[in-house]
Amino acid sequence: MNEKILWYVADPMCSWCWGFSPVIERIRQEYGDSLRMELLLGGLRAGTKTPMPPQQREEILHHWHAVQRATGQPFSFEGAMPEGFIYDTEPASRAVVAAFRISPDVVFPFLKTIQSAFYVDQQDVTRQEVLERLAVVAGLDARLFSQVFESEAVKELTLGHFKKVRQWGVHGFPAVVGQKGTDYPVLTRGYCSFEDFRARLDSWLEN
């Protein structure tokens, strides 16, 4: 019998993923003992090199307000993404991959720590020193985290995450993909409530 795996496809700097955080956390609490859950990094704006134009900042803040209204998740809007901010999601994604290499158990909590730091505390999670500090908060050794984060192996692994997501045809986040053998049904594309998602998940698990 093929093991069933639930893949959560997210990006640490995706606002709807932050909105979905309580849903995925509850799924982990209620299904974690009976269902293997894995995190896959989507690469929302990985590799961005140029500062964000004011118009784009306004568009993104508009999304943030929509997420807050729909989900009740906390955001700090005033002063977010200051002038000159480069919205590159690769470092935060790589930090999560690095954390997995060191201690798989901390991956989901560490993702939440990065999300909260960015959306609530207005920390610049594109910066390595910020990510190192958050890794320590998550219980990881700063020096070890830094070495793993900077390694070529983890850079390649992170690109592998982005590539797999594209191969699965997932282009928006959050998404949840089921896996049984060679079958990979997408259980949700985008945000949905816990009740809606649980119904889809239970239906898939029964098949």
N, C-alpha and C. Protein backbone atom coordinates (compact mmCIF):
# COMPACT_ATOMS: atom_id res chain seq x y z
N MET A 1 0.84 -1.20 0.00
CA MET A 1 0.00 0.00 0.00
C MET A 1 0.88 1.25 0.00
N ASN A 2 0.59 2.17 -0.90
CA ASN A 2 1.38 3.38 -1.01
C ASN A 2 1.07 4.34 0.14
N GLU A 3 2.12 4.88 0.73
CA GLU A 3 1.95 5.87 1.79
C GLU A 3 1.36 7.15 1.20
N LYS A 4 0.43 7.76 1.94
CA LYS A 4 -0.11 9.04 1.51
C LYS A 4 0.66 10.16 2.18
N ILE A 5 1.06 11.15 1.38
CA ILE A 5 1.81 12.30 1.86
C ILE A 5 1.06 13.56 1.50
N LEU A 6 1.04 14.51 2.41
CA LEU A 6 0.41 15.80 2.16
C LEU A 6 1.53 16.84 2.01
N TRP A 7 1.62 17.43 0.84
CA TRP A 7 2.64 18.44 0.56
C TRP A 7 2.01 19.83 0.68
N TYR A 8 2.56 20.62 1.60
CA TYR A 8 2.11 22.01 1.73
C TYR A 8 3.08 22.87 0.93
N VAL A 9 2.57 23.52 -0.11
CA VAL A 9 3.40 24.36 -0.98
C VAL A 9 3.19 25.82 -0.58
N ALA A 10 4.26 26.45 -0.11
CA ALA A 10 4.13 27.79 0.44
C ALA A 10 5.39 28.59 0.17
N ASP A 11 5.31 29.88 0.46
CA ASP A 11 6.47 30.76 0.42
C ASP A 11 6.43 31.58 1.70
N PRO A 12 7.57 31.74 2.40
CA PRO A 12 7.56 32.47 3.67
C PRO A 12 7.10 33.93 3.53
N MET A 13 7.18 34.48 2.30
CA MET A 13 6.82 35.89 2.09
C MET A 13 5.58 36.02 1.21
N CYS A 14 4.71 35.02 1.30
CA CYS A 14 3.42 35.03 0.59
C CYS A 14 2.33 35.34 1.62
N SER A 15 1.61 36.43 1.40
CA SER A 15 0.65 36.89 2.41
C SER A 15 -0.51 35.91 2.61
N TRP A 16 -0.98 35.29 1.53
CA TRP A 16 -2.08 34.33 1.68
C TRP A 16 -1.60 33.06 2.40
N CYS A 17 -0.29 32.75 2.30
CA CYS A 17 0.27 31.64 3.07
C CYS A 17 0.25 31.98 4.56
N TRP A 18 0.55 33.23 4.89
CA TRP A 18 0.45 33.68 6.28
C TRP A 18 -1.01 33.58 6.74
N GLY A 19 -1.92 33.94 5.87
CA GLY A 19 -3.34 33.81 6.19
C GLY A 19 -3.76 32.37 6.40
N PHE A 20 -3.13 31.46 5.68
CA PHE A 20 -3.46 30.03 5.75
C PHE A 20 -2.76 29.34 6.91
N SER A 21 -1.82 30.04 7.55
CA SER A 21 -1.01 29.43 8.61
C SER A 21 -1.83 28.76 9.71
N PRO A 22 -2.89 29.39 10.25
CA PRO A 22 -3.68 28.71 11.28
C PRO A 22 -4.37 27.44 10.78
N VAL A 23 -4.74 27.45 9.49
CA VAL A 23 -5.40 26.27 8.91
C VAL A 23 -4.43 25.10 8.84
N ILE A 24 -3.23 25.36 8.30
CA ILE A 24 -2.26 24.27 8.15
C ILE A 24 -1.79 23.80 9.53
N GLU A 25 -1.72 24.72 10.48
CA GLU A 25 -1.31 24.34 11.83
C GLU A 25 -2.34 23.39 12.47
N ARG A 26 -3.60 23.70 12.25
CA ARG A 26 -4.66 22.85 12.81
C ARG A 26 -4.68 21.49 12.11
N ILE A 27 -4.44 21.49 10.82
CA ILE A 27 -4.35 20.21 10.08
C ILE A 27 -3.22 19.37 10.65
N ARG A 28 -2.08 19.99 10.92
CA ARG A 28 -0.95 19.26 11.50
C ARG A 28 -1.31 18.69 12.86
N GLN A 29 -2.01 19.48 13.67
CA GLN A 29 -2.41 19.01 15.00
C GLN A 29 -3.37 17.82 14.92
N GLU A 30 -4.33 17.89 14.00
CA GLU A 30 -5.39 16.89 13.96
C GLU A 30 -5.04 15.65 13.12
N TYR A 31 -4.15 15.83 12.14
CA TYR A 31 -3.84 14.72 11.24
C TYR A 31 -2.38 14.28 11.30
N GLY A 32 -1.57 15.03 12.06
CA GLY A 32 -0.12 14.79 12.04
C GLY A 32 0.30 13.40 12.47
N ASP A 33 -0.46 12.77 13.35
CA ASP A 33 -0.10 11.43 13.82
C ASP A 33 -0.40 10.35 12.79
N SER A 34 -1.33 10.64 11.90
CA SER A 34 -1.77 9.60 10.96
C SER A 34 -1.38 9.89 9.51
N LEU A 35 -0.84 11.08 9.26
CA LEU A 35 -0.56 11.48 7.88
C LEU A 35 0.78 12.19 7.82
N ARG A 36 1.63 11.75 6.93
CA ARG A 36 2.93 12.41 6.75
C ARG A 36 2.73 13.74 6.03
N MET A 37 3.28 14.79 6.62
CA MET A 37 3.16 16.11 6.03
C MET A 37 4.54 16.67 5.71
N GLU A 38 4.68 17.22 4.52
CA GLU A 38 5.96 17.78 4.08
C GLU A 38 5.74 19.21 3.58
N LEU A 39 6.79 20.01 3.68
CA LEU A 39 6.74 21.40 3.22
C LEU A 39 7.56 21.54 1.95
N LEU A 40 6.99 22.21 0.97
CA LEU A 40 7.68 22.48 -0.29
C LEU A 40 7.66 23.98 -0.51
N LEU A 41 8.82 24.55 -0.82
CA LEU A 41 8.92 26.00 -0.99
C LEU A 41 8.64 26.39 -2.43
N GLY A 42 7.74 27.37 -2.60
CA GLY A 42 7.24 27.68 -3.93
C GLY A 42 8.08 28.63 -4.76
N GLY A 43 8.82 29.54 -4.10
CA GLY A 43 9.63 30.49 -4.87
C GLY A 43 8.79 31.61 -5.47
N LEU A 44 8.05 32.31 -4.62
CA LEU A 44 7.12 33.34 -5.08
C LEU A 44 7.79 34.43 -5.90
N ARG A 45 8.83 35.06 -5.33
CA ARG A 45 9.56 36.11 -6.04
C ARG A 45 11.06 35.86 -5.91
N ALA A 46 11.44 34.61 -6.03
CA ALA A 46 12.84 34.24 -5.84
C ALA A 46 13.72 34.88 -6.91
N GLY A 47 14.83 35.48 -6.46
CA GLY A 47 15.78 36.05 -7.40
C GLY A 47 15.51 37.48 -7.81
N THR A 48 14.52 38.13 -7.20
CA THR A 48 14.26 39.54 -7.50
C THR A 48 15.49 40.37 -7.14
N LYS A 49 15.89 41.28 -8.03
CA LYS A 49 17.13 42.06 -7.82
C LYS A 49 16.88 43.55 -7.64
N THR A 50 15.73 44.04 -8.03
CA THR A 50 15.51 45.48 -8.04
C THR A 50 14.56 45.92 -6.94
N PRO A 51 14.77 47.12 -6.39
CA PRO A 51 13.87 47.62 -5.34
C PRO A 51 12.43 47.73 -5.84
N MET A 52 11.53 47.57 -4.91
CA MET A 52 10.11 47.59 -5.23
C MET A 52 9.64 49.01 -5.57
N PRO A 53 8.98 49.21 -6.72
CA PRO A 53 8.41 50.52 -7.03
C PRO A 53 7.22 50.82 -6.12
N PRO A 54 6.95 52.10 -5.85
CA PRO A 54 5.85 52.47 -4.95
C PRO A 54 4.50 51.87 -5.36
N GLN A 55 4.23 51.81 -6.66
CA GLN A 55 2.94 51.28 -7.12
C GLN A 55 2.80 49.80 -6.75
N GLN A 56 3.89 49.05 -6.90
CA GLN A 56 3.84 47.62 -6.54
C GLN A 56 3.64 47.46 -5.03
N ARG A 57 4.28 48.33 -4.26
CA ARG A 57 4.11 48.27 -2.80
C ARG A 57 2.64 48.46 -2.44
N GLU A 58 1.99 49.43 -3.10
CA GLU A 58 0.57 49.68 -2.82
C GLU A 58 -0.28 48.46 -3.18
N GLU A 59 0.04 47.83 -4.30
CA GLU A 59 -0.71 46.64 -4.72
C GLU A 59 -0.55 45.51 -3.69
N ILE A 60 0.68 45.32 -3.21
CA ILE A 60 0.93 44.26 -2.23
C ILE A 60 0.23 44.56 -0.91
N LEU A 61 0.29 45.81 -0.47
CA LEU A 61 -0.42 46.18 0.77
C LEU A 61 -1.92 45.97 0.63
N HIS A 62 -2.44 46.20 -0.57
CA HIS A 62 -3.86 45.94 -0.84
C HIS A 62 -4.17 44.46 -0.60
N HIS A 63 -3.27 43.58 -1.07
CA HIS A 63 -3.43 42.13 -0.83
C HIS A 63 -3.38 41.83 0.67
N TRP A 64 -2.46 42.48 1.36
CA TRP A 64 -2.32 42.23 2.80
C TRP A 64 -3.61 42.57 3.54
N HIS A 65 -4.19 43.71 3.17
CA HIS A 65 -5.46 44.10 3.81
C HIS A 65 -6.55 43.06 3.52
N ALA A 66 -6.56 42.55 2.29
CA ALA A 66 -7.56 41.54 1.91
C ALA A 66 -7.37 40.26 2.72
N VAL A 67 -6.11 39.87 2.91
CA VAL A 67 -5.81 38.67 3.70
C VAL A 67 -6.25 38.86 5.15
N GLN A 68 -5.96 40.03 5.70
CA GLN A 68 -6.35 40.29 7.09
C GLN A 68 -7.87 40.24 7.25
N ARG A 69 -8.58 40.83 6.30
CA ARG A 69 -10.05 40.82 6.37
C ARG A 69 -10.59 39.39 6.28
N ALA A 70 -10.00 38.59 5.41
CA ALA A 70 -10.52 37.23 5.17
C ALA A 70 -10.14 36.25 6.26
N THR A 71 -8.99 36.46 6.90
CA THR A 71 -8.46 35.43 7.80
C THR A 71 -8.30 35.88 9.25
N GLY A 72 -8.24 37.19 9.47
CA GLY A 72 -8.02 37.69 10.83
C GLY A 72 -6.58 37.63 11.28
N GLN A 73 -5.67 37.24 10.41
CA GLN A 73 -4.26 37.18 10.78
C GLN A 73 -3.70 38.60 10.98
N PRO A 74 -2.77 38.77 11.94
CA PRO A 74 -2.23 40.10 12.21
C PRO A 74 -1.23 40.57 11.15
N PHE A 75 -1.27 41.85 10.85
CA PHE A 75 -0.31 42.50 9.95
C PHE A 75 0.05 43.86 10.53
N SER A 76 1.27 44.31 10.23
CA SER A 76 1.66 45.69 10.51
C SER A 76 1.85 46.38 9.17
N PHE A 77 1.00 47.34 8.87
CA PHE A 77 1.00 47.98 7.55
C PHE A 77 1.91 49.21 7.49
N GLU A 78 1.85 50.04 8.50
CA GLU A 78 2.57 51.31 8.49
C GLU A 78 4.08 51.06 8.47
N GLY A 79 4.75 51.55 7.44
CA GLY A 79 6.20 51.39 7.35
C GLY A 79 6.65 50.06 6.79
N ALA A 80 5.71 49.20 6.39
CA ALA A 80 6.09 47.90 5.83
C ALA A 80 6.77 48.08 4.48
N MET A 81 7.72 47.21 4.18
CA MET A 81 8.44 47.23 2.90
C MET A 81 8.91 48.65 2.57
N PRO A 82 9.84 49.20 3.36
CA PRO A 82 10.27 50.58 3.17
C PRO A 82 10.96 50.80 1.83
N GLU A 83 11.16 52.06 1.49
CA GLU A 83 11.79 52.43 0.22
C GLU A 83 13.12 51.71 0.06
N GLY A 84 13.33 51.13 -1.12
CA GLY A 84 14.56 50.39 -1.38
C GLY A 84 14.47 48.90 -1.09
N PHE A 85 13.33 48.46 -0.53
CA PHE A 85 13.17 47.04 -0.20
C PHE A 85 13.15 46.19 -1.46
N ILE A 86 13.94 45.13 -1.46
CA ILE A 86 14.00 44.19 -2.59
C ILE A 86 13.28 42.91 -2.17
N TYR A 87 12.15 42.66 -2.83
CA TYR A 87 11.26 41.56 -2.43
C TYR A 87 11.74 40.23 -3.03
N ASP A 88 12.89 39.76 -2.52
CA ASP A 88 13.46 38.50 -2.98
C ASP A 88 13.12 37.42 -1.96
N THR A 89 12.33 36.44 -2.34
CA THR A 89 11.90 35.43 -1.39
C THR A 89 12.85 34.22 -1.31
N GLU A 90 13.93 34.24 -2.10
CA GLU A 90 14.85 33.10 -2.08
C GLU A 90 15.55 32.92 -0.73
N PRO A 91 16.10 33.98 -0.10
CA PRO A 91 16.80 33.75 1.17
C PRO A 91 15.91 33.15 2.25
N ALA A 92 14.69 33.64 2.40
CA ALA A 92 13.78 33.10 3.42
C ALA A 92 13.42 31.65 3.11
N SER A 93 13.23 31.36 1.83
CA SER A 93 12.93 29.97 1.43
C SER A 93 14.13 29.07 1.71
N ARG A 94 15.31 29.56 1.39
CA ARG A 94 16.53 28.77 1.63
C ARG A 94 16.76 28.56 3.12
N ALA A 95 16.38 29.54 3.93
CA ALA A 95 16.50 29.39 5.38
C ALA A 95 15.66 28.22 5.88
N VAL A 96 14.47 28.07 5.31
CA VAL A 96 13.59 26.97 5.72
C VAL A 96 14.20 25.63 5.28
N VAL A 97 14.76 25.60 4.08
CA VAL A 97 15.41 24.38 3.60
C VAL A 97 16.61 24.04 4.49
N ALA A 98 17.37 25.06 4.87
CA ALA A 98 18.52 24.85 5.76
C ALA A 98 18.07 24.29 7.10
N ALA A 99 16.99 24.84 7.64
CA ALA A 99 16.46 24.36 8.91
C ALA A 99 16.06 22.89 8.80
N PHE A 100 15.48 22.52 7.68
CA PHE A 100 15.09 21.11 7.48
C PHE A 100 16.31 20.20 7.48
N ARG A 101 17.40 20.65 6.87
CA ARG A 101 18.63 19.85 6.84
C ARG A 101 19.16 19.61 8.25
N ILE A 102 19.00 20.62 9.11
CA ILE A 102 19.54 20.55 10.47
C ILE A 102 18.60 19.77 11.40
N SER A 103 17.31 20.11 11.32
CA SER A 103 16.34 19.50 12.24
C SER A 103 14.95 19.55 11.62
N PRO A 104 14.52 18.47 10.95
CA PRO A 104 13.23 18.46 10.25
C PRO A 104 12.05 18.86 11.13
N ASP A 105 12.13 18.58 12.41
CA ASP A 105 11.00 18.88 13.30
C ASP A 105 10.70 20.37 13.43
N VAL A 106 11.70 21.21 13.18
CA VAL A 106 11.48 22.66 13.40
C VAL A 106 10.93 23.36 12.16
N VAL A 107 10.78 22.65 11.04
CA VAL A 107 10.49 23.31 9.77
C VAL A 107 9.19 24.10 9.79
N PHE A 108 8.10 23.49 10.19
CA PHE A 108 6.82 24.21 10.19
C PHE A 108 6.82 25.36 11.20
N PRO A 109 7.31 25.15 12.44
CA PRO A 109 7.39 26.29 13.37
C PRO A 109 8.31 27.40 12.86
N PHE A 110 9.41 27.02 12.21
CA PHE A 110 10.35 28.03 11.71
C PHE A 110 9.72 28.85 10.58
N LEU A 111 8.98 28.18 9.71
CA LEU A 111 8.24 28.91 8.66
C LEU A 111 7.35 29.97 9.29
N LYS A 112 6.62 29.58 10.32
CA LYS A 112 5.70 30.51 10.99
C LYS A 112 6.48 31.66 11.65
N THR A 113 7.64 31.35 12.21
CA THR A 113 8.47 32.38 12.83
C THR A 113 8.90 33.43 11.81
N ILE A 114 9.31 32.98 10.62
CA ILE A 114 9.72 33.91 9.56
C ILE A 114 8.52 34.73 9.09
N GLN A 115 7.39 34.08 8.90
CA GLN A 115 6.18 34.79 8.46
C GLN A 115 5.80 35.89 9.45
N SER A 116 5.76 35.54 10.71
CA SER A 116 5.38 36.50 11.75
C SER A 116 6.38 37.65 11.82
N ALA A 117 7.67 37.33 11.69
CA ALA A 117 8.71 38.37 11.73
C ALA A 117 8.51 39.37 10.59
N PHE A 118 8.12 38.87 9.42
CA PHE A 118 7.95 39.73 8.25
C PHE A 118 6.65 40.53 8.32
N TYR A 119 5.55 39.84 8.57
CA TYR A 119 4.24 40.49 8.46
C TYR A 119 3.84 41.28 9.70
N VAL A 120 4.31 40.86 10.87
CA VAL A 120 3.90 41.52 12.11
C VAL A 120 5.00 42.42 12.66
N ASP A 121 6.23 41.91 12.67
CA ASP A 121 7.34 42.65 13.29
C ASP A 121 8.14 43.49 12.31
N GLN A 122 7.79 43.42 11.04
CA GLN A 122 8.45 44.22 9.99
C GLN A 122 9.96 44.00 9.94
N GLN A 123 10.38 42.77 10.18
CA GLN A 123 11.79 42.45 10.03
C GLN A 123 12.08 42.11 8.56
N ASP A 124 13.28 42.48 8.11
CA ASP A 124 13.66 42.23 6.72
C ASP A 124 14.20 40.82 6.60
N VAL A 125 13.31 39.89 6.27
CA VAL A 125 13.69 38.48 6.23
C VAL A 125 14.39 38.10 4.92
N THR A 126 14.77 39.10 4.12
CA THR A 126 15.64 38.83 2.96
C THR A 126 17.11 38.88 3.40
N ARG A 127 17.37 39.31 4.63
CA ARG A 127 18.74 39.50 5.12
C ARG A 127 19.18 38.30 5.95
N GLN A 128 20.41 37.82 5.66
CA GLN A 128 20.91 36.62 6.32
C GLN A 128 21.00 36.79 7.83
N GLU A 129 21.45 37.97 8.30
CA GLU A 129 21.62 38.13 9.75
C GLU A 129 20.28 38.07 10.48
N VAL A 130 19.21 38.53 9.82
CA VAL A 130 17.87 38.44 10.41
C VAL A 130 17.43 36.98 10.48
N LEU A 131 17.66 36.25 9.39
CA LEU A 131 17.28 34.83 9.35
C LEU A 131 18.07 34.02 10.38
N GLU A 132 19.33 34.36 10.58
CA GLU A 132 20.14 33.68 11.59
C GLU A 132 19.56 33.91 12.99
N ARG A 133 19.15 35.13 13.25
CA ARG A 133 18.56 35.46 14.56
C ARG A 133 17.27 34.68 14.77
N LEU A 134 16.46 34.58 13.73
CA LEU A 134 15.20 33.83 13.83
C LEU A 134 15.46 32.34 14.00
N ALA A 135 16.53 31.85 13.39
CA ALA A 135 16.89 30.43 13.54
C ALA A 135 17.22 30.12 14.99
N VAL A 136 17.90 31.05 15.64
CA VAL A 136 18.23 30.86 17.06
C VAL A 136 16.94 30.83 17.90
N VAL A 137 16.01 31.73 17.55
CA VAL A 137 14.70 31.74 18.23
C VAL A 137 14.02 30.37 18.09
N ALA A 138 14.22 29.75 16.92
CA ALA A 138 13.62 28.43 16.66
C ALA A 138 14.39 27.29 17.30
N GLY A 139 15.50 27.63 17.99
CA GLY A 139 16.25 26.60 18.71
C GLY A 139 17.43 26.04 17.96
N LEU A 140 17.81 26.67 16.84
CA LEU A 140 18.94 26.18 16.06
C LEU A 140 20.22 26.91 16.45
N ASP A 141 21.35 26.26 16.23
CA ASP A 141 22.65 26.87 16.51
C ASP A 141 22.99 27.87 15.39
N ALA A 142 23.34 29.08 15.78
CA ALA A 142 23.55 30.16 14.80
C ALA A 142 24.66 29.82 13.81
N ARG A 143 25.79 29.33 14.32
CA ARG A 143 26.93 29.05 13.44
C ARG A 143 26.62 27.92 12.47
N LEU A 144 26.01 26.86 12.99
CA LEU A 144 25.65 25.73 12.12
C LEU A 144 24.64 26.17 11.07
N PHE A 145 23.64 26.93 11.50
CA PHE A 145 22.64 27.41 10.55
C PHE A 145 23.30 28.23 9.45
N SER A 146 24.21 29.12 9.83
CA SER A 146 24.89 29.97 8.85
C SER A 146 25.65 29.13 7.83
N GLN A 147 26.38 28.10 8.31
CA GLN A 147 27.14 27.24 7.41
C GLN A 147 26.23 26.51 6.43
N VAL A 148 25.15 25.97 6.93
CA VAL A 148 24.23 25.21 6.08
C VAL A 148 23.51 26.15 5.10
N PHE A 149 23.09 27.31 5.60
CA PHE A 149 22.39 28.29 4.78
C PHE A 149 23.25 28.74 3.59
N GLU A 150 24.55 28.90 3.82
CA GLU A 150 25.46 29.39 2.78
C GLU A 150 25.96 28.29 1.84
N SER A 151 25.69 27.03 2.18
CA SER A 151 26.25 25.92 1.40
C SER A 151 25.63 25.83 0.00
N GLU A 152 26.45 25.40 -0.93
CA GLU A 152 25.97 25.20 -2.31
C GLU A 152 24.88 24.14 -2.35
N ALA A 153 25.02 23.13 -1.50
CA ALA A 153 24.05 22.02 -1.48
C ALA A 153 22.65 22.54 -1.16
N VAL A 154 22.55 23.45 -0.20
CA VAL A 154 21.23 23.96 0.19
C VAL A 154 20.71 24.95 -0.85
N LYS A 155 21.60 25.70 -1.49
CA LYS A 155 21.17 26.57 -2.59
C LYS A 155 20.55 25.73 -3.71
N GLU A 156 21.21 24.60 -4.03
CA GLU A 156 20.68 23.71 -5.07
C GLU A 156 19.38 23.05 -4.64
N LEU A 157 19.31 22.64 -3.39
CA LEU A 157 18.08 22.02 -2.87
C LEU A 157 16.90 22.99 -2.96
N THR A 158 17.17 24.25 -2.64
CA THR A 158 16.11 25.27 -2.68
C THR A 158 15.60 25.44 -4.11
N LEU A 159 16.51 25.51 -5.07
CA LEU A 159 16.11 25.59 -6.48
C LEU A 159 15.32 24.34 -6.88
N GLY A 160 15.69 23.21 -6.29
CA GLY A 160 14.96 21.96 -6.56
C GLY A 160 13.52 22.03 -6.08
N HIS A 161 13.30 22.69 -4.94
CA HIS A 161 11.93 22.90 -4.46
C HIS A 161 11.14 23.70 -5.50
N PHE A 162 11.70 24.81 -5.93
CA PHE A 162 10.99 25.68 -6.89
C PHE A 162 10.67 24.90 -8.18
N LYS A 163 11.63 24.10 -8.63
CA LYS A 163 11.46 23.35 -9.87
C LYS A 163 10.35 22.31 -9.74
N LYS A 164 10.33 21.60 -8.60
CA LYS A 164 9.31 20.57 -8.40
C LYS A 164 7.91 21.18 -8.40
N VAL A 165 7.79 22.34 -7.75
CA VAL A 165 6.49 23.03 -7.70
C VAL A 165 6.00 23.35 -9.11
N ARG A 166 6.91 23.85 -9.95
CA ARG A 166 6.52 24.16 -11.34
C ARG A 166 6.15 22.90 -12.11
N GLN A 167 6.90 21.82 -11.85
CA GLN A 167 6.61 20.56 -12.54
C GLN A 167 5.21 20.04 -12.18
N TRP A 168 4.78 20.32 -10.97
CA TRP A 168 3.45 19.91 -10.53
C TRP A 168 2.36 20.84 -11.05
N GLY A 169 2.77 21.91 -11.72
CA GLY A 169 1.79 22.84 -12.28
C GLY A 169 1.17 23.76 -11.25
N VAL A 170 1.89 23.96 -10.14
CA VAL A 170 1.39 24.87 -9.10
C VAL A 170 2.07 26.23 -9.29
N HIS A 171 1.28 27.26 -9.49
CA HIS A 171 1.84 28.60 -9.75
C HIS A 171 1.37 29.64 -8.74
N GLY A 172 0.48 29.26 -7.85
CA GLY A 172 0.00 30.18 -6.83
C GLY A 172 0.05 29.53 -5.47
N PHE A 173 0.22 30.34 -4.45
CA PHE A 173 0.38 29.80 -3.09
C PHE A 173 -0.60 30.51 -2.14
N PRO A 174 -1.02 29.80 -1.09
CA PRO A 174 -0.67 28.44 -0.74
C PRO A 174 -1.36 27.42 -1.64
N ALA A 175 -0.79 26.24 -1.67
CA ALA A 175 -1.43 25.11 -2.33
C ALA A 175 -1.12 23.87 -1.50
N VAL A 176 -2.00 22.90 -1.56
CA VAL A 176 -1.74 21.63 -0.88
C VAL A 176 -1.95 20.52 -1.90
N VAL A 177 -0.95 19.67 -2.00
CA VAL A 177 -0.95 18.58 -2.98
C VAL A 177 -0.89 17.25 -2.23
N GLY A 178 -1.78 16.36 -2.58
CA GLY A 178 -1.73 15.02 -2.02
C GLY A 178 -0.81 14.15 -2.86
N GLN A 179 -0.24 13.15 -2.25
CA GLN A 179 0.58 12.20 -3.00
C GLN A 179 0.26 10.79 -2.57
N LYS A 180 -0.09 9.96 -3.53
CA LYS A 180 -0.21 8.52 -3.31
C LYS A 180 0.33 7.84 -4.55
N GLY A 181 1.49 7.22 -4.40
CA GLY A 181 2.14 6.62 -5.56
C GLY A 181 2.51 7.69 -6.56
N THR A 182 2.02 7.56 -7.79
CA THR A 182 2.32 8.54 -8.83
C THR A 182 1.17 9.53 -9.03
N ASP A 183 0.21 9.50 -8.13
CA ASP A 183 -0.95 10.38 -8.22
C ASP A 183 -0.73 11.60 -7.32
N TYR A 184 -0.87 12.80 -7.91
CA TYR A 184 -0.62 14.04 -7.17
C TYR A 184 -1.80 15.01 -7.32
N PRO A 185 -2.93 14.74 -6.71
CA PRO A 185 -4.05 15.67 -6.82
C PRO A 185 -3.80 16.95 -6.01
N VAL A 186 -4.19 18.09 -6.58
CA VAL A 186 -4.10 19.36 -5.85
C VAL A 186 -5.38 19.51 -5.03
N LEU A 187 -5.24 19.54 -3.70
CA LEU A 187 -6.40 19.60 -2.81
C LEU A 187 -6.90 21.03 -2.61
N THR A 188 -6.00 22.00 -2.71
CA THR A 188 -6.43 23.39 -2.73
C THR A 188 -5.41 24.24 -3.46
N ARG A 189 -5.91 25.15 -4.26
CA ARG A 189 -5.09 26.20 -4.87
C ARG A 189 -5.56 27.51 -4.27
N GLY A 190 -4.74 28.10 -3.43
CA GLY A 190 -5.14 29.32 -2.77
C GLY A 190 -5.77 29.05 -1.41
N TYR A 191 -6.10 30.13 -0.73
CA TYR A 191 -6.63 30.04 0.62
C TYR A 191 -8.01 29.38 0.64
N CYS A 192 -8.25 28.58 1.66
CA CYS A 192 -9.61 28.12 1.95
C CYS A 192 -9.71 27.93 3.46
N SER A 193 -10.91 27.90 3.97
CA SER A 193 -11.11 27.76 5.42
C SER A 193 -10.74 26.36 5.87
N PHE A 194 -10.56 26.21 7.18
CA PHE A 194 -10.25 24.90 7.74
C PHE A 194 -11.36 23.90 7.41
N GLU A 195 -12.61 24.31 7.57
CA GLU A 195 -13.74 23.41 7.33
C GLU A 195 -13.75 22.93 5.88
N ASP A 196 -13.56 23.86 4.94
CA ASP A 196 -13.54 23.48 3.52
C ASP A 196 -12.39 22.52 3.23
N PHE A 197 -11.22 22.86 3.78
CA PHE A 197 -10.05 22.04 3.48
C PHE A 197 -10.18 20.65 4.11
N ARG A 198 -10.68 20.60 5.34
CA ARG A 198 -10.83 19.30 6.00
C ARG A 198 -11.76 18.39 5.20
N ALA A 199 -12.82 18.94 4.63
CA ALA A 199 -13.74 18.13 3.83
C ALA A 199 -13.02 17.55 2.61
N ARG A 200 -12.19 18.38 1.95
CA ARG A 200 -11.43 17.88 0.78
C ARG A 200 -10.41 16.82 1.20
N LEU A 201 -9.76 17.09 2.32
CA LEU A 201 -8.73 16.17 2.80
C LEU A 201 -9.35 14.82 3.19
N ASP A 202 -10.45 14.86 3.90
CA ASP A 202 -11.09 13.61 4.31
C ASP A 202 -11.55 12.81 3.10
N SER A 203 -12.08 13.51 2.10
CA SER A 203 -12.53 12.84 0.89
C SER A 203 -11.35 12.14 0.20
N TRP A 204 -10.20 12.82 0.13
CA TRP A 204 -9.02 12.23 -0.50
C TRP A 204 -8.51 11.05 0.31
N LEU A 205 -8.49 11.19 1.63
CA LEU A 205 -7.98 10.11 2.49
C LEU A 205 -8.85 8.85 2.42
N GLU A 206 -10.13 9.02 2.14
CA GLU A 206 -11.04 7.88 2.08
C GLU A 206 -10.91 7.10 0.77
N ASN A 207 -10.31 7.73 -0.23
CA ASN A 207 -10.19 7.06 -1.55
C ASN A 207 -9.03 6.07 -1.58
